N, C-alpha and C. Protein backbone atom coordinates (compact mmCIF):
# COMPACT_ATOMS: atom_id res chain seq x y z
N MET A 1 -35.86 -23.65 -66.79
CA MET A 1 -36.81 -22.56 -66.61
C MET A 1 -36.40 -21.71 -65.42
N GLU A 2 -36.38 -20.40 -65.60
CA GLU A 2 -35.95 -19.50 -64.53
C GLU A 2 -37.04 -19.34 -63.48
N PRO A 3 -36.63 -19.27 -62.20
CA PRO A 3 -37.61 -18.96 -61.16
C PRO A 3 -38.22 -17.57 -61.42
N GLU A 4 -39.44 -17.37 -61.01
CA GLU A 4 -40.15 -16.12 -61.26
C GLU A 4 -39.40 -14.90 -60.72
N PHE A 5 -38.77 -15.03 -59.51
CA PHE A 5 -38.10 -13.86 -58.94
C PHE A 5 -36.91 -13.40 -59.80
N LEU A 6 -36.27 -14.32 -60.56
CA LEU A 6 -35.18 -13.91 -61.43
C LEU A 6 -35.69 -13.08 -62.60
N LYS A 7 -36.86 -13.42 -63.12
CA LYS A 7 -37.42 -12.69 -64.24
C LYS A 7 -37.73 -11.24 -63.84
N LYS A 8 -38.08 -11.04 -62.58
CA LYS A 8 -38.47 -9.71 -62.11
C LYS A 8 -37.28 -8.85 -61.71
N SER A 9 -36.32 -9.42 -60.99
CA SER A 9 -35.31 -8.57 -60.38
C SER A 9 -33.87 -8.88 -60.75
N GLN A 10 -33.61 -10.07 -61.27
CA GLN A 10 -32.24 -10.51 -61.52
C GLN A 10 -31.41 -10.56 -60.24
N LYS A 11 -32.06 -10.55 -59.10
CA LYS A 11 -31.37 -10.64 -57.81
C LYS A 11 -31.92 -11.84 -57.05
N VAL A 12 -31.05 -12.53 -56.33
CA VAL A 12 -31.43 -13.70 -55.55
C VAL A 12 -31.43 -13.31 -54.07
N PRO A 13 -32.58 -13.36 -53.41
CA PRO A 13 -32.62 -13.00 -51.99
C PRO A 13 -31.66 -13.87 -51.18
N THR A 14 -30.74 -13.23 -50.44
CA THR A 14 -29.71 -13.93 -49.68
C THR A 14 -29.57 -13.26 -48.32
N LYS A 15 -29.71 -14.04 -47.26
CA LYS A 15 -29.59 -13.51 -45.89
C LYS A 15 -28.13 -13.35 -45.52
N ILE A 16 -27.82 -12.22 -44.85
CA ILE A 16 -26.44 -11.92 -44.46
C ILE A 16 -26.42 -11.32 -43.06
N VAL A 17 -25.42 -11.70 -42.26
CA VAL A 17 -25.18 -11.12 -40.93
C VAL A 17 -23.85 -10.40 -41.01
N LEU A 18 -23.86 -9.09 -40.76
CA LEU A 18 -22.68 -8.24 -40.91
C LEU A 18 -22.09 -7.86 -39.56
N ASP A 19 -20.76 -7.84 -39.47
CA ASP A 19 -20.09 -7.28 -38.29
C ASP A 19 -20.26 -5.77 -38.26
N ASP A 20 -20.35 -5.16 -39.42
CA ASP A 20 -20.40 -3.72 -39.59
C ASP A 20 -21.04 -3.48 -40.96
N PRO A 21 -21.89 -2.47 -41.12
CA PRO A 21 -22.50 -2.22 -42.43
C PRO A 21 -21.49 -2.03 -43.56
N ASP A 22 -20.27 -1.61 -43.23
CA ASP A 22 -19.25 -1.39 -44.25
C ASP A 22 -18.78 -2.68 -44.92
N PHE A 23 -19.14 -3.84 -44.35
CA PHE A 23 -18.72 -5.12 -44.93
C PHE A 23 -19.74 -5.70 -45.91
N LEU A 24 -20.84 -4.99 -46.16
CA LEU A 24 -21.82 -5.47 -47.13
C LEU A 24 -21.17 -5.55 -48.51
N PRO A 25 -21.13 -6.74 -49.13
CA PRO A 25 -20.55 -6.84 -50.48
C PRO A 25 -21.35 -5.98 -51.46
N LEU A 26 -20.65 -5.17 -52.22
CA LEU A 26 -21.31 -4.23 -53.13
C LEU A 26 -20.85 -4.39 -54.56
N TYR A 27 -21.79 -4.21 -55.49
CA TYR A 27 -21.49 -4.14 -56.91
C TYR A 27 -21.09 -2.69 -57.21
N GLN A 28 -19.96 -2.50 -57.86
CA GLN A 28 -19.48 -1.15 -58.11
C GLN A 28 -20.13 -0.50 -59.33
N THR A 29 -20.67 -1.32 -60.25
CA THR A 29 -21.39 -0.79 -61.42
C THR A 29 -22.60 -1.68 -61.66
N ASP A 30 -23.55 -1.19 -62.44
CA ASP A 30 -24.74 -1.97 -62.77
C ASP A 30 -24.40 -3.25 -63.53
N GLY A 31 -23.31 -3.22 -64.31
CA GLY A 31 -22.93 -4.38 -65.10
C GLY A 31 -21.95 -5.32 -64.43
N ALA A 32 -21.56 -5.02 -63.19
CA ALA A 32 -20.58 -5.85 -62.49
C ALA A 32 -21.15 -7.24 -62.20
N ALA A 33 -20.37 -8.28 -62.50
CA ALA A 33 -20.79 -9.65 -62.22
C ALA A 33 -20.50 -10.03 -60.77
N GLY A 34 -19.46 -9.43 -60.19
CA GLY A 34 -19.07 -9.76 -58.83
C GLY A 34 -19.27 -8.59 -57.89
N ALA A 35 -19.61 -8.93 -56.65
CA ALA A 35 -19.73 -7.93 -55.58
C ALA A 35 -18.40 -7.90 -54.84
N ASP A 36 -17.89 -6.71 -54.59
CA ASP A 36 -16.60 -6.57 -53.92
C ASP A 36 -16.69 -6.97 -52.45
N LEU A 37 -15.64 -7.64 -51.98
CA LEU A 37 -15.50 -8.03 -50.59
C LEU A 37 -14.48 -7.12 -49.92
N TYR A 38 -14.70 -6.85 -48.65
CA TYR A 38 -13.87 -5.92 -47.89
C TYR A 38 -13.13 -6.67 -46.79
N ALA A 39 -11.88 -6.31 -46.58
CA ALA A 39 -11.05 -6.98 -45.58
C ALA A 39 -11.44 -6.55 -44.17
N ASN A 40 -11.69 -7.52 -43.31
CA ASN A 40 -11.98 -7.26 -41.90
C ASN A 40 -10.68 -7.47 -41.12
N LEU A 41 -9.91 -6.40 -41.01
CA LEU A 41 -8.60 -6.45 -40.36
C LEU A 41 -8.51 -5.37 -39.28
N PRO A 42 -9.31 -5.49 -38.20
CA PRO A 42 -9.34 -4.44 -37.18
C PRO A 42 -8.01 -4.25 -36.44
N ASP A 43 -7.13 -5.24 -36.49
CA ASP A 43 -5.83 -5.12 -35.83
C ASP A 43 -4.79 -4.45 -36.71
N GLY A 44 -5.19 -4.01 -37.87
CA GLY A 44 -4.27 -3.30 -38.75
C GLY A 44 -4.02 -4.06 -40.03
N PRO A 45 -3.35 -3.40 -40.97
CA PRO A 45 -3.11 -4.00 -42.28
C PRO A 45 -2.18 -5.21 -42.19
N ILE A 46 -2.23 -6.03 -43.24
CA ILE A 46 -1.29 -7.14 -43.36
C ILE A 46 -0.44 -6.89 -44.60
N SER A 47 0.78 -7.35 -44.54
CA SER A 47 1.70 -7.24 -45.66
C SER A 47 2.07 -8.65 -46.07
N LEU A 48 1.79 -8.97 -47.33
CA LEU A 48 2.14 -10.28 -47.88
C LEU A 48 3.39 -10.13 -48.73
N GLY A 49 4.48 -10.76 -48.28
CA GLY A 49 5.68 -10.78 -49.09
C GLY A 49 5.53 -11.78 -50.22
N ALA A 50 6.47 -11.79 -51.13
CA ALA A 50 6.44 -12.73 -52.25
C ALA A 50 6.30 -14.16 -51.74
N GLY A 51 5.30 -14.86 -52.25
CA GLY A 51 5.06 -16.26 -51.88
C GLY A 51 4.30 -16.46 -50.58
N GLU A 52 4.05 -15.42 -49.82
CA GLU A 52 3.36 -15.57 -48.53
C GLU A 52 1.85 -15.69 -48.72
N ARG A 53 1.24 -16.36 -47.73
CA ARG A 53 -0.21 -16.57 -47.73
C ARG A 53 -0.82 -15.98 -46.47
N ALA A 54 -2.11 -15.67 -46.56
CA ALA A 54 -2.87 -15.21 -45.40
C ALA A 54 -4.34 -15.51 -45.64
N VAL A 55 -5.05 -15.74 -44.55
CA VAL A 55 -6.50 -15.89 -44.60
C VAL A 55 -7.09 -14.57 -44.12
N VAL A 56 -7.95 -13.98 -44.95
CA VAL A 56 -8.55 -12.69 -44.63
C VAL A 56 -10.06 -12.85 -44.45
N ASP A 57 -10.53 -12.44 -43.29
CA ASP A 57 -11.96 -12.47 -42.96
C ASP A 57 -12.67 -11.33 -43.70
N CYS A 58 -13.92 -11.56 -44.09
CA CYS A 58 -14.69 -10.57 -44.85
C CYS A 58 -15.74 -9.84 -44.01
N GLY A 59 -15.85 -10.16 -42.73
CA GLY A 59 -16.75 -9.42 -41.87
C GLY A 59 -18.21 -9.82 -41.93
N PHE A 60 -18.50 -11.02 -42.44
CA PHE A 60 -19.89 -11.45 -42.48
C PHE A 60 -20.01 -12.96 -42.63
N CYS A 61 -21.22 -13.44 -42.39
CA CYS A 61 -21.61 -14.79 -42.76
C CYS A 61 -22.95 -14.68 -43.46
N MET A 62 -23.32 -15.71 -44.21
CA MET A 62 -24.55 -15.61 -45.01
C MET A 62 -25.17 -16.99 -45.17
N ALA A 63 -26.41 -16.98 -45.61
CA ALA A 63 -27.15 -18.21 -45.91
C ALA A 63 -27.56 -18.14 -47.37
N LEU A 64 -26.85 -18.88 -48.21
CA LEU A 64 -27.20 -18.92 -49.63
C LEU A 64 -28.48 -19.72 -49.82
N PRO A 65 -29.28 -19.36 -50.80
CA PRO A 65 -30.46 -20.16 -51.11
C PRO A 65 -30.03 -21.54 -51.63
N VAL A 66 -30.85 -22.54 -51.40
CA VAL A 66 -30.57 -23.89 -51.88
C VAL A 66 -30.44 -23.86 -53.40
N GLY A 67 -29.42 -24.55 -53.92
CA GLY A 67 -29.22 -24.62 -55.35
C GLY A 67 -28.30 -23.55 -55.91
N TRP A 68 -27.66 -22.77 -55.01
CA TRP A 68 -26.75 -21.71 -55.44
C TRP A 68 -25.41 -21.88 -54.74
N GLU A 69 -24.36 -21.35 -55.35
CA GLU A 69 -23.04 -21.28 -54.74
C GLU A 69 -22.52 -19.87 -54.90
N ALA A 70 -21.60 -19.48 -54.02
CA ALA A 70 -20.87 -18.23 -54.19
C ALA A 70 -19.45 -18.60 -54.59
N GLN A 71 -18.89 -17.87 -55.55
CA GLN A 71 -17.52 -18.08 -55.96
C GLN A 71 -16.70 -16.84 -55.60
N LEU A 72 -15.53 -17.07 -55.00
CA LEU A 72 -14.63 -15.98 -54.62
C LEU A 72 -13.52 -15.91 -55.65
N ARG A 73 -13.25 -14.70 -56.12
CA ARG A 73 -12.24 -14.49 -57.15
C ARG A 73 -11.44 -13.24 -56.82
N PRO A 74 -10.22 -13.15 -57.39
CA PRO A 74 -9.42 -11.94 -57.16
C PRO A 74 -10.03 -10.74 -57.89
N ARG A 75 -9.76 -9.56 -57.39
CA ARG A 75 -10.06 -8.34 -58.13
C ARG A 75 -8.92 -8.10 -59.10
N SER A 76 -9.22 -7.66 -60.28
CA SER A 76 -8.19 -7.57 -61.33
C SER A 76 -7.06 -6.61 -60.99
N GLY A 77 -7.35 -5.50 -60.34
CA GLY A 77 -6.29 -4.54 -60.00
C GLY A 77 -5.24 -5.13 -59.08
N LEU A 78 -5.68 -5.88 -58.07
CA LEU A 78 -4.73 -6.52 -57.17
C LEU A 78 -4.10 -7.75 -57.81
N ALA A 79 -4.85 -8.44 -58.65
CA ALA A 79 -4.30 -9.61 -59.35
C ALA A 79 -3.15 -9.17 -60.26
N SER A 80 -3.25 -7.97 -60.83
CA SER A 80 -2.17 -7.49 -61.70
C SER A 80 -0.89 -7.24 -60.92
N LYS A 81 -0.99 -7.11 -59.61
CA LYS A 81 0.18 -6.94 -58.75
C LYS A 81 0.67 -8.28 -58.19
N GLY A 82 -0.06 -9.37 -58.50
CA GLY A 82 0.35 -10.69 -58.05
C GLY A 82 -0.54 -11.32 -57.00
N LEU A 83 -1.56 -10.60 -56.52
CA LEU A 83 -2.43 -11.18 -55.49
C LEU A 83 -3.31 -12.27 -56.09
N GLN A 84 -3.29 -13.43 -55.46
CA GLN A 84 -4.06 -14.59 -55.94
C GLN A 84 -4.95 -15.11 -54.83
N ILE A 85 -6.04 -15.73 -55.22
CA ILE A 85 -6.83 -16.53 -54.30
C ILE A 85 -6.39 -17.96 -54.58
N VAL A 86 -5.82 -18.59 -53.56
CA VAL A 86 -5.14 -19.87 -53.75
C VAL A 86 -6.04 -20.91 -54.41
N ASN A 87 -7.27 -21.03 -54.00
CA ASN A 87 -8.17 -22.05 -54.55
C ASN A 87 -9.20 -21.40 -55.48
N SER A 88 -8.78 -20.42 -56.26
CA SER A 88 -9.68 -19.65 -57.09
C SER A 88 -10.20 -20.45 -58.29
N PRO A 89 -11.48 -20.37 -58.60
CA PRO A 89 -12.45 -19.69 -57.76
C PRO A 89 -12.84 -20.56 -56.56
N ALA A 90 -12.78 -19.96 -55.40
CA ALA A 90 -13.20 -20.67 -54.19
C ALA A 90 -14.71 -20.82 -54.21
N THR A 91 -15.20 -21.91 -53.69
CA THR A 91 -16.64 -22.17 -53.67
C THR A 91 -17.18 -22.12 -52.25
N ILE A 92 -18.29 -21.42 -52.08
CA ILE A 92 -19.04 -21.43 -50.83
C ILE A 92 -20.35 -22.16 -51.12
N ASP A 93 -20.56 -23.29 -50.45
CA ASP A 93 -21.74 -24.11 -50.68
C ASP A 93 -22.96 -23.53 -49.98
N ASP A 94 -24.14 -23.93 -50.47
CA ASP A 94 -25.38 -23.37 -49.91
C ASP A 94 -25.67 -23.83 -48.49
N ASP A 95 -24.99 -24.86 -47.99
CA ASP A 95 -25.22 -25.30 -46.61
C ASP A 95 -24.16 -24.80 -45.63
N TYR A 96 -23.21 -23.97 -46.08
CA TYR A 96 -22.18 -23.41 -45.20
C TYR A 96 -22.74 -22.17 -44.50
N ARG A 97 -22.51 -22.09 -43.20
CA ARG A 97 -23.02 -20.96 -42.42
C ARG A 97 -21.92 -20.23 -41.64
N GLY A 98 -20.67 -20.56 -41.88
CA GLY A 98 -19.58 -19.91 -41.15
C GLY A 98 -19.20 -18.57 -41.76
N ARG A 99 -18.15 -17.99 -41.19
CA ARG A 99 -17.66 -16.71 -41.67
C ARG A 99 -17.05 -16.86 -43.06
N ILE A 100 -17.20 -15.84 -43.86
CA ILE A 100 -16.62 -15.86 -45.20
C ILE A 100 -15.19 -15.34 -45.08
N LYS A 101 -14.26 -16.19 -45.53
CA LYS A 101 -12.83 -15.87 -45.48
C LYS A 101 -12.22 -16.21 -46.83
N VAL A 102 -11.12 -15.53 -47.14
CA VAL A 102 -10.46 -15.72 -48.43
C VAL A 102 -9.00 -16.08 -48.17
N LEU A 103 -8.54 -17.14 -48.81
CA LEU A 103 -7.14 -17.57 -48.71
C LEU A 103 -6.35 -16.90 -49.83
N LEU A 104 -5.50 -15.95 -49.44
CA LEU A 104 -4.72 -15.16 -50.39
C LEU A 104 -3.28 -15.64 -50.47
N LYS A 105 -2.67 -15.37 -51.61
CA LYS A 105 -1.23 -15.61 -51.80
C LYS A 105 -0.68 -14.49 -52.67
N ASN A 106 0.51 -14.04 -52.31
CA ASN A 106 1.19 -13.07 -53.15
C ASN A 106 2.06 -13.84 -54.13
N GLY A 107 1.65 -13.86 -55.38
CA GLY A 107 2.40 -14.53 -56.43
C GLY A 107 3.36 -13.60 -57.15
N GLY A 108 3.44 -12.36 -56.68
CA GLY A 108 4.33 -11.39 -57.30
C GLY A 108 5.67 -11.31 -56.57
N GLU A 109 6.46 -10.32 -56.95
CA GLU A 109 7.80 -10.14 -56.37
C GLU A 109 7.81 -9.10 -55.25
N GLU A 110 6.88 -8.15 -55.30
CA GLU A 110 6.84 -7.06 -54.31
C GLU A 110 5.78 -7.34 -53.25
N PRO A 111 5.99 -6.83 -52.02
CA PRO A 111 4.97 -7.00 -50.98
C PRO A 111 3.64 -6.37 -51.40
N ILE A 112 2.56 -6.97 -50.95
CA ILE A 112 1.22 -6.43 -51.17
C ILE A 112 0.61 -6.18 -49.81
N ILE A 113 0.09 -4.98 -49.62
CA ILE A 113 -0.51 -4.60 -48.33
C ILE A 113 -2.02 -4.59 -48.49
N ILE A 114 -2.70 -5.25 -47.55
CA ILE A 114 -4.16 -5.25 -47.50
C ILE A 114 -4.55 -4.53 -46.22
N SER A 115 -5.39 -3.50 -46.36
CA SER A 115 -5.80 -2.68 -45.22
C SER A 115 -7.22 -3.01 -44.77
N HIS A 116 -7.54 -2.62 -43.55
CA HIS A 116 -8.88 -2.80 -43.00
C HIS A 116 -9.90 -2.09 -43.89
N LYS A 117 -10.94 -2.80 -44.25
CA LYS A 117 -12.06 -2.32 -45.06
C LYS A 117 -11.67 -2.03 -46.52
N GLN A 118 -10.53 -2.55 -46.95
CA GLN A 118 -10.12 -2.42 -48.36
C GLN A 118 -10.85 -3.46 -49.20
N ARG A 119 -11.26 -3.08 -50.41
CA ARG A 119 -11.81 -4.04 -51.36
C ARG A 119 -10.65 -4.89 -51.86
N PHE A 120 -10.75 -6.22 -51.70
CA PHE A 120 -9.61 -7.06 -52.05
C PHE A 120 -9.97 -8.31 -52.84
N ALA A 121 -11.24 -8.65 -52.92
CA ALA A 121 -11.69 -9.83 -53.65
C ALA A 121 -13.11 -9.55 -54.13
N GLN A 122 -13.65 -10.48 -54.90
CA GLN A 122 -15.04 -10.34 -55.35
C GLN A 122 -15.76 -11.67 -55.23
N MET A 123 -17.07 -11.59 -55.12
CA MET A 123 -17.91 -12.77 -54.94
C MET A 123 -19.00 -12.78 -56.01
N LEU A 124 -19.13 -13.92 -56.67
CA LEU A 124 -20.16 -14.11 -57.69
C LEU A 124 -21.14 -15.16 -57.23
N LEU A 125 -22.38 -15.03 -57.61
CA LEU A 125 -23.43 -15.99 -57.28
C LEU A 125 -23.74 -16.82 -58.52
N LYS A 126 -23.70 -18.13 -58.38
CA LYS A 126 -23.89 -19.02 -59.51
C LYS A 126 -24.88 -20.14 -59.17
N PRO A 127 -25.73 -20.52 -60.13
CA PRO A 127 -26.60 -21.68 -59.89
C PRO A 127 -25.75 -22.96 -59.91
N VAL A 128 -26.20 -23.94 -59.17
CA VAL A 128 -25.49 -25.22 -59.09
C VAL A 128 -26.31 -26.29 -59.79
N TRP A 129 -25.67 -26.95 -60.71
CA TRP A 129 -26.27 -28.10 -61.38
C TRP A 129 -25.53 -29.33 -60.89
N LYS A 130 -26.24 -30.38 -60.61
CA LYS A 130 -25.62 -31.60 -60.11
C LYS A 130 -25.66 -32.69 -61.17
N PHE A 131 -24.65 -33.55 -61.12
CA PHE A 131 -24.59 -34.67 -62.05
C PHE A 131 -25.69 -35.67 -61.76
N ASP A 132 -26.26 -36.21 -62.80
CA ASP A 132 -27.17 -37.35 -62.72
C ASP A 132 -26.44 -38.47 -63.44
N TRP A 133 -25.60 -39.19 -62.70
CA TRP A 133 -24.71 -40.18 -63.29
C TRP A 133 -25.49 -41.29 -63.97
N GLN A 134 -25.07 -41.64 -65.16
CA GLN A 134 -25.65 -42.73 -65.93
C GLN A 134 -24.52 -43.71 -66.24
N ILE A 135 -24.47 -44.80 -65.52
CA ILE A 135 -23.39 -45.77 -65.67
C ILE A 135 -23.60 -46.56 -66.95
N VAL A 136 -22.57 -46.53 -67.82
CA VAL A 136 -22.62 -47.21 -69.11
C VAL A 136 -21.33 -48.01 -69.32
N GLU A 137 -21.30 -48.81 -70.34
CA GLU A 137 -20.11 -49.61 -70.65
C GLU A 137 -19.08 -48.82 -71.46
N THR A 138 -19.54 -47.91 -72.34
CA THR A 138 -18.64 -47.10 -73.16
C THR A 138 -19.24 -45.71 -73.34
N ILE A 139 -18.40 -44.78 -73.76
CA ILE A 139 -18.89 -43.44 -74.10
C ILE A 139 -18.53 -43.15 -75.55
N ASP A 140 -19.26 -42.20 -76.16
CA ASP A 140 -19.00 -41.90 -77.57
C ASP A 140 -17.62 -41.29 -77.73
N GLN A 141 -17.03 -41.49 -78.88
CA GLN A 141 -15.69 -40.99 -79.18
C GLN A 141 -15.78 -39.70 -80.01
N THR A 142 -14.74 -38.89 -79.89
CA THR A 142 -14.65 -37.64 -80.65
C THR A 142 -13.32 -37.60 -81.40
N ASP A 143 -13.15 -36.62 -82.28
CA ASP A 143 -11.88 -36.47 -82.99
C ASP A 143 -10.73 -36.23 -82.01
N ARG A 144 -10.99 -35.49 -80.95
CA ARG A 144 -9.96 -35.20 -79.94
C ARG A 144 -9.60 -36.44 -79.14
N GLY A 145 -10.58 -37.25 -78.84
CA GLY A 145 -10.35 -38.48 -78.09
C GLY A 145 -9.78 -38.23 -76.72
N GLU A 146 -8.68 -38.89 -76.39
CA GLU A 146 -8.07 -38.80 -75.07
C GLU A 146 -6.94 -37.78 -74.99
N SER A 147 -6.74 -36.99 -76.02
CA SER A 147 -5.67 -36.00 -76.02
C SER A 147 -5.97 -34.95 -74.95
N GLY A 148 -5.01 -34.75 -74.05
CA GLY A 148 -5.24 -33.87 -72.89
C GLY A 148 -4.51 -32.56 -72.92
N PHE A 149 -3.83 -32.24 -71.84
CA PHE A 149 -3.20 -30.95 -71.62
C PHE A 149 -2.41 -30.48 -72.83
N GLY A 150 -2.77 -29.30 -73.33
CA GLY A 150 -2.03 -28.68 -74.43
C GLY A 150 -2.27 -29.29 -75.79
N SER A 151 -3.19 -30.22 -75.89
CA SER A 151 -3.36 -30.95 -77.15
C SER A 151 -4.01 -30.12 -78.25
N THR A 152 -4.67 -29.03 -77.89
CA THR A 152 -5.31 -28.19 -78.91
C THR A 152 -4.50 -26.94 -79.21
N GLY A 153 -3.26 -26.90 -78.74
CA GLY A 153 -2.37 -25.75 -79.00
C GLY A 153 -2.12 -24.96 -77.74
N ASN A 154 -1.27 -23.96 -77.86
CA ASN A 154 -0.91 -23.13 -76.69
C ASN A 154 -1.99 -22.22 -76.38
């Protein structure tokens, strides 16, 4: 059952502390699932060569409501150039209160430059469901059974 506030607004109240108003994560369209994150690089742009990694600060910290997580994902335009989030989708737990940072990697061949206040990643808000483990002696079998990686085709 959805909480009443979701039925009314489809928005989840979330507290945020910003270094600068320009770092407020924004949805670029009404239908966007993710809010864009902006690079907090006051000392100037960074250049990621092929295979290089960097941690990029987003200019804010936040308090997620209990029962929710934020997921960090690449933006498609930069991903098409090879920019990856190493642990994508990265998870921010509802009890984390530190700065939001993104671990990037250039998986392409050409350098990728990230500038101060550039949109470089996106953040999605997701409900968290937890396992209620039920210890049993056996589990039901399926036609697939134990067939793993690649077993259903390419």
